[in-house]
């Protein structure tokens, strides 16, 4: 009877250990799913900031991206952010050139007076 209880307790411990191991991949899968959707939502928010897209296009894009790996989503986000940053830098350089030109024209006008 005592030996039987030891065997039962040992088997229960093994079952609990296996259940814990089984739950771990599901927990990781859940975290990966949440992170992937977070990246996807951030990408869509950044991408669609300048443009108005209709709901059907956004839904289609979300469905398509839901089947995409997180590393690809990150790459898409990185590419878009780099392009957006480059565009902003170009605009900044253009504005600086315009300011410099305006300042030199103003200086010429003042010296002509």
Foldseek 3Di string as FASTA:
>chain_A
DVVVVVVVVVVVVVVVVVVVVVVVVVVVVVVQLVVQVVLVVVQCCLVCVVPDDDPVVVVVSSVVSSPPHSVVSVVSSVVSVVVVVVVVVVVVVVVVVVVVVVVVVVVVVVVVD
